[in-house]
Structures are given as C-alpha cells and as structure tokens.
Amino acid sequence: MKTAKKTILFLVVLSLALSLPATARAHWIPDDGHKMHWPQEPNQDGWDIDMTTYVLADDWKCSEDGSVSDIHFWYSVQGDGGTEPYPPPHFPAVNVTIYSNVLAGANPTFSHPGEVLWGTRKFLVDVNMVNGHWEGLQGWDSPEPNSDCLEQDHIYYWQLNITDIDAPFIQTAGQIYWLALEVVDLDPSQSLVGWKTTYRPFEDDAVYKVEDAGAPIWAPIEVCSDNQRRDLAFVITPEPATLLVLALGLIPALLRLRRRRKA
C-alpha cells in the first residue's frame, strides 16, 4: 500500500514538472513574479506612445541574475474609436534591443541607453502571444516635442508576450539596463501601434531614438499639458518557475526512494 502511494506521488510530481513549462510560457499575471525593480503595469487611462514610427526605450533595474528569456509589454492601436476590438495580432513583428545604462550628467541631464548589449532581434507575432483585451480611456502621443496629444483616442489595450527567447541576454542583479522596442513591417494601411504608459514609473522618463547626422542619439519622450510621466508598461519575468525547480528537485529523491523499496 505504501509503495502504491509513493508511486502515485511520484507520478503526480512528474506530471506537474512536465506541465509547468507550458505554464511558464503563459501570459503574464502579477502572481508570475518578475526580475526587475517592480512590474511596470499599464495605466488603463494613460497614454500610448507611437512605437511604429519611432524606437522607444525604457530602463529597468535587474533584481536577479540570469537570462532575460521572457519579455512582456502592453500596447494599443491608434484611434480604435471604441468599436469592437481588432482581432489580434495587430502587427506582424517587433524589434527588441537591450542597452547598457548611461547615468544622467551635466550633458545630457537624463539617463539614457548606451552600448548595445544584446543586438536587435526581430520577433514575429502570432495570436498565441497576445493576451487581452482590457479597456480604458487612453490618449495617443508622439514622443517628439510640440506634437499633438489626442485625448481619449482609443479604448482597448493588449499584452504582448515574447517568451522562451533563444540565446537570451544574461543580466546581473543590481545593474540597470534599457529595453528598446519598435513595431516593424506594419502595412501602411493599418493603424499605428503604441506602447502603453505605466502608473509605476522608475528613474528617468522613457526615451526615443533620434537620428542626428547619421548617428543615433536618445531624447526624453515629451509630455503634453497634462505633465504625466511617460514611463512605459513592461515586465521582465523569472525563469524557470520556482515550482518547476521544486518539482524537478523532488524527482531524483523519489526515484531513489523507489529503488530502495524494490531492493
């Protein structure tokens, strides 16, 4: 009877271990944890910054050594008019780059991306990567100064999940890095896509890339008359899942126990 019970326990743990990788690849929820200062969750009534015309970047502080194998961010489509949500995916691909951090100084007076640490990778988007929708009264903004801010421009927003990244960037606890994103290959007939702002900003404002005499530089995202911060909504998540580690750690012990019982 005891042997039967231990066999059942072994099978349960093994089943759990085999099923958890799929869970770890699921859409992000707060219970999934994070590997950064805190999750920069979206402001449902915030703004979306044009990430189709511009490359945008925001910084995070690493809280745990290891790979950046999962990246999650929130976005909207310009001018959805409150009609039925567009069926995802809303864009074909996104470019991702990770930079080092340059501290604020006398010139410029804001921190910004520095050296490319993880060269630009292009990720194709499919429906399984998209979670949502959620709703809010959201504005649309360009990162450039003196641009028109469109209040209550759209209603819906979604979460895009890039998971199980091959050859991921390896981060070091305590270091600050910059995540840069750009929507690419969008059909010109389709509406622009924007990166949602967060209600939990960190350090300096997010920035956008500007070409100056052929050399890329970075400038802070300008704000409208509302004077809200323009930090962006994203989260870097841990891997593997803690529960998976526990389950895998138990399996050798259970195997040894079974061998002893048989002996």
Protein backbone atom coordinates (compact mmCIF):
# COMPACT_ATOMS: atom_id res chain seq x y z
CA MET A 1 0.00 0.00 0.00
CA LYS A 2 2.80 2.42 0.93
CA THR A 3 4.63 1.61 -2.30
CA ALA A 4 1.48 2.34 -4.29
CA LYS A 5 1.04 5.70 -2.54
CA LYS A 6 4.64 6.72 -3.25
CA THR A 7 4.28 5.68 -6.87
CA ILE A 8 1.18 7.85 -7.18
CA LEU A 9 3.05 10.76 -5.57
CA PHE A 10 5.93 10.26 -7.99
CA LEU A 11 3.58 10.33 -10.98
CA VAL A 12 1.83 13.47 -9.71
CA VAL A 13 5.12 15.32 -9.26
CA LEU A 14 6.40 14.15 -12.64
CA SER A 15 3.18 15.26 -14.33
CA LEU A 16 3.48 18.64 -12.61
CA ALA A 17 7.09 19.04 -13.74
CA LEU A 18 6.22 18.20 -17.34
CA SER A 19 3.24 20.54 -17.45
CA LEU A 20 4.90 23.57 -15.85
CA PRO A 21 7.00 24.72 -18.81
CA ALA A 22 3.76 25.44 -20.67
CA THR A 23 2.54 27.40 -17.66
CA ALA A 24 5.79 29.37 -17.53
CA ARG A 25 5.23 30.37 -21.16
CA ALA A 26 1.72 31.71 -20.48
CA HIS A 27 0.64 35.33 -20.49
CA TRP A 28 1.95 37.33 -17.57
CA ILE A 29 -0.13 37.93 -14.43
CA PRO A 30 1.17 39.51 -11.18
CA ASP A 31 1.46 36.11 -9.45
CA ASP A 32 4.08 35.09 -12.02
CA GLY A 33 6.69 37.32 -10.38
CA HIS A 34 9.34 39.48 -12.05
CA LYS A 35 13.10 40.04 -12.43
CA MET A 36 13.20 43.82 -12.21
CA HIS A 37 12.68 46.67 -9.72
CA TRP A 38 8.89 46.15 -9.96
CA PRO A 39 6.45 45.30 -12.77
CA GLN A 40 5.62 48.48 -14.69
CA GLU A 41 1.96 47.59 -15.18
CA PRO A 42 -0.19 49.68 -17.55
CA ASN A 43 -2.18 52.76 -16.67
CA GLN A 44 -5.57 51.88 -18.10
CA ASP A 45 -6.44 55.56 -18.57
CA GLY A 46 -2.92 56.58 -19.58
CA TRP A 47 -1.29 57.18 -22.94
CA ASP A 48 0.14 55.20 -25.81
CA ILE A 49 3.37 56.39 -27.40
CA ASP A 50 3.89 55.76 -31.12
CA MET A 51 6.24 52.76 -31.37
CA THR A 52 5.67 52.25 -35.10
CA THR A 53 7.27 55.46 -36.36
CA TYR A 54 9.81 55.59 -33.50
CA VAL A 55 12.09 53.31 -31.50
CA LEU A 56 11.19 53.70 -27.80
CA ALA A 57 13.24 52.61 -24.78
CA ASP A 58 12.71 52.39 -21.02
CA ASP A 59 15.04 51.31 -18.21
CA TRP A 60 14.83 48.61 -15.58
CA LYS A 61 16.96 47.54 -12.62
CA CYS A 62 17.78 43.84 -12.54
CA SER A 63 16.70 42.14 -9.29
CA GLU A 64 18.03 38.63 -10.04
CA ASP A 65 20.95 37.18 -12.01
CA GLY A 66 20.02 35.12 -15.04
CA SER A 67 18.54 35.16 -18.51
CA VAL A 68 16.04 37.63 -19.90
CA SER A 69 14.09 34.86 -21.59
CA ASP A 70 10.61 36.39 -21.25
CA ILE A 71 9.59 39.99 -22.07
CA HIS A 72 6.02 41.26 -21.73
CA PHE A 73 4.66 44.68 -22.69
CA TRP A 74 1.30 46.39 -23.22
CA TYR A 75 0.16 48.22 -26.34
CA SER A 76 -2.83 49.81 -28.12
CA VAL A 77 -3.90 50.64 -31.67
CA GLN A 78 -4.37 54.32 -32.51
CA GLY A 79 -7.91 55.60 -32.95
CA ASP A 80 -9.87 52.39 -32.43
CA GLY A 81 -12.93 54.58 -31.84
CA GLY A 82 -14.32 52.25 -29.19
CA THR A 83 -15.52 49.83 -31.88
CA GLU A 84 -15.16 46.08 -31.49
CA PRO A 85 -11.54 45.12 -30.76
CA TYR A 86 -9.39 44.25 -33.75
CA PRO A 87 -8.68 40.53 -33.84
CA PRO A 88 -5.05 40.03 -32.78
CA PRO A 89 -2.28 40.01 -33.84
CA HIS A 90 -2.27 43.73 -34.56
CA PHE A 91 1.19 43.90 -36.12
CA PRO A 92 3.47 41.35 -37.80
CA ALA A 93 6.74 41.79 -35.91
CA VAL A 94 8.61 43.71 -33.22
CA ASN A 95 12.32 44.51 -32.91
CA VAL A 96 13.89 44.17 -29.45
CA THR A 97 17.28 45.55 -28.34
CA ILE A 98 18.90 45.75 -24.89
CA TYR A 99 21.35 48.52 -23.98
CA SER A 100 23.59 49.44 -21.09
CA ASN A 101 22.72 52.45 -18.93
CA VAL A 102 24.36 55.88 -19.17
CA LEU A 103 23.85 57.88 -15.98
CA ALA A 104 22.48 61.42 -16.08
CA GLY A 105 25.15 64.12 -16.06
CA ALA A 106 25.66 67.74 -16.95
CA ASN A 107 25.03 66.99 -20.63
CA PRO A 108 22.67 65.34 -21.10
CA THR A 109 20.79 65.77 -17.83
CA PHE A 110 18.90 62.48 -18.17
CA SER A 111 19.93 58.83 -18.16
CA HIS A 112 19.67 57.02 -21.50
CA PRO A 113 20.73 53.87 -23.39
CA GLY A 114 24.42 53.44 -24.04
CA GLU A 115 26.22 50.44 -25.54
CA VAL A 116 24.25 47.73 -27.31
CA LEU A 117 24.49 44.66 -25.07
CA TRP A 118 22.06 42.41 -26.92
CA GLY A 119 21.76 43.23 -30.61
CA THR A 120 18.42 43.84 -32.26
CA ARG A 121 16.31 40.70 -32.58
CA LYS A 122 13.16 40.53 -34.69
CA PHE A 123 10.24 38.53 -33.24
CA LEU A 124 7.32 37.53 -35.43
CA VAL A 125 3.96 37.97 -33.69
CA ASP A 126 1.15 35.42 -33.69
CA VAL A 127 -2.18 35.19 -31.93
CA ASN A 128 -0.81 32.96 -29.14
CA MET A 129 1.48 35.78 -28.00
CA VAL A 130 -1.38 38.24 -27.43
CA ASN A 131 -3.46 38.47 -24.27
CA GLY A 132 -6.44 40.74 -23.65
CA HIS A 133 -8.27 42.92 -24.31
CA TRP A 134 -8.73 45.44 -21.49
CA GLU A 135 -10.44 48.82 -21.61
CA GLY A 136 -9.69 52.41 -20.58
CA LEU A 137 -9.95 56.00 -21.82
CA GLN A 138 -6.49 56.30 -23.34
CA GLY A 139 -4.67 59.06 -25.15
CA TRP A 140 -2.30 58.90 -28.14
CA ASP A 141 1.02 60.73 -28.26
CA SER A 142 4.13 61.09 -30.38
CA PRO A 143 7.43 61.25 -28.47
CA GLU A 144 8.56 64.40 -30.31
CA PRO A 145 8.18 67.89 -28.82
CA ASN A 146 5.21 70.03 -29.88
CA SER A 147 3.30 67.02 -31.17
CA ASP A 148 -0.48 66.88 -30.94
CA CYS A 149 -1.75 64.88 -27.97
CA LEU A 150 -5.01 63.12 -28.77
CA GLU A 151 -7.00 62.64 -25.57
CA GLN A 152 -9.48 59.75 -25.30
CA ASP A 153 -8.22 58.48 -28.65
CA HIS A 154 -8.86 54.77 -28.11
CA ILE A 155 -10.39 52.24 -25.70
CA TYR A 156 -8.72 48.84 -25.93
CA TYR A 157 -5.28 47.57 -25.00
CA TRP A 158 -3.47 44.23 -25.05
CA GLN A 159 -0.44 42.42 -23.64
CA LEU A 160 2.26 41.04 -25.97
CA ASN A 161 4.31 38.14 -24.58
CA ILE A 162 7.73 37.26 -26.00
CA THR A 163 8.74 34.02 -24.28
CA ASP A 164 11.35 31.25 -24.42
CA ILE A 165 13.85 33.53 -26.16
CA ASP A 166 16.76 31.63 -27.73
CA ALA A 167 20.26 32.81 -26.74
CA PRO A 168 18.78 35.31 -24.26
CA PHE A 169 20.52 38.27 -22.71
CA ILE A 170 22.15 37.45 -19.35
CA GLN A 171 21.56 40.15 -16.76
CA THR A 172 23.32 40.87 -13.47
CA ALA A 173 21.49 41.76 -10.25
CA GLY A 174 21.76 45.43 -9.34
CA GLN A 175 22.54 46.61 -12.90
CA ILE A 176 20.30 48.98 -14.85
CA TYR A 177 19.53 48.18 -18.49
CA TRP A 178 17.38 49.68 -21.24
CA LEU A 179 14.75 47.78 -23.24
CA ALA A 180 14.12 49.22 -26.73
CA LEU A 181 11.11 48.19 -28.83
CA GLU A 182 9.88 49.04 -32.32
CA VAL A 183 6.93 47.67 -34.29
CA VAL A 184 8.09 46.72 -37.81
CA ASP A 185 6.64 45.50 -41.13
CA LEU A 186 3.24 47.10 -40.43
CA ASP A 187 1.14 47.57 -43.56
CA PRO A 188 0.82 51.34 -44.27
CA SER A 189 -2.96 50.94 -44.47
CA GLN A 190 -3.13 49.78 -40.85
CA SER A 191 -3.38 51.99 -37.77
CA LEU A 192 -0.23 52.82 -35.81
CA VAL A 193 0.63 50.84 -32.68
CA GLY A 194 1.65 52.50 -29.39
CA TRP A 195 3.48 51.31 -26.26
CA LYS A 196 1.29 51.94 -23.21
CA THR A 197 2.40 54.11 -20.31
CA THR A 198 2.65 52.80 -16.75
CA TYR A 199 1.37 54.17 -13.46
CA ARG A 200 4.57 52.97 -11.70
CA PRO A 201 7.49 54.92 -13.23
CA PHE A 202 11.14 54.17 -12.46
CA GLU A 203 14.13 56.54 -12.56
CA ASP A 204 14.16 58.90 -15.58
CA ASP A 205 11.49 59.12 -18.27
CA ALA A 206 11.46 56.77 -21.24
CA VAL A 207 13.28 57.96 -24.37
CA TYR A 208 13.06 57.72 -28.16
CA LYS A 209 15.77 57.37 -30.79
CA VAL A 210 16.66 60.37 -32.91
CA GLU A 211 18.96 60.25 -35.93
CA ASP A 212 21.50 63.09 -35.77
CA ALA A 213 23.85 63.32 -38.76
CA GLY A 214 23.54 59.56 -39.18
CA ALA A 215 24.38 58.76 -35.56
CA PRO A 216 21.57 57.63 -33.24
CA ILE A 217 21.02 59.65 -30.09
CA TRP A 218 18.30 59.48 -27.47
CA ALA A 219 15.88 62.15 -26.26
CA PRO A 220 13.27 62.05 -23.46
CA ILE A 221 9.68 61.49 -24.55
CA GLU A 222 8.00 64.88 -24.40
CA VAL A 223 4.84 65.33 -22.35
CA CYS A 224 1.55 67.06 -23.12
CA SER A 225 -0.02 69.73 -20.95
CA ASP A 226 -1.13 67.03 -18.50
CA ASN A 227 2.52 66.74 -17.29
CA GLN A 228 2.16 63.00 -16.72
CA ARG A 229 5.34 60.90 -16.69
CA ARG A 230 5.98 58.93 -19.85
CA ASP A 231 7.42 55.70 -18.48
CA LEU A 232 6.28 52.59 -20.34
CA ALA A 233 4.46 49.40 -19.36
CA PHE A 234 6.54 46.20 -19.40
CA VAL A 235 7.85 43.40 -17.18
CA ILE A 236 10.85 41.06 -17.26
CA THR A 237 9.95 37.69 -15.73
CA PRO A 238 11.94 34.96 -13.92
CA GLU A 239 12.76 31.56 -15.29
CA PRO A 240 12.31 28.73 -14.64
CA ALA A 241 9.20 28.79 -12.49
CA THR A 242 10.00 28.25 -8.80
CA LEU A 243 7.50 25.43 -8.61
CA LEU A 244 9.13 23.72 -11.56
CA VAL A 245 12.51 23.83 -9.82
CA LEU A 246 10.96 22.27 -6.72
CA ALA A 247 9.26 19.55 -8.73
CA LEU A 248 12.40 18.69 -10.68
CA GLY A 249 14.37 18.60 -7.45
CA LEU A 250 11.96 16.11 -5.91
CA ILE A 251 12.09 13.66 -8.79
CA PRO A 252 15.61 12.27 -8.09
CA ALA A 253 14.71 11.79 -4.42
CA LEU A 254 11.55 9.90 -5.35
CA LEU A 255 13.48 7.75 -7.80
CA ARG A 256 16.00 6.83 -5.09
CA LEU A 257 13.14 6.01 -2.73
CA ARG A 258 11.58 3.66 -5.29
CA ARG A 259 14.91 1.89 -5.85
CA ARG A 260 15.29 1.31 -2.09
CA ARG A 261 11.77 -0.09 -1.86
CA LYS A 262 12.48 -2.51 -4.70
CA ALA A 263 15.78 -3.59 -3.12
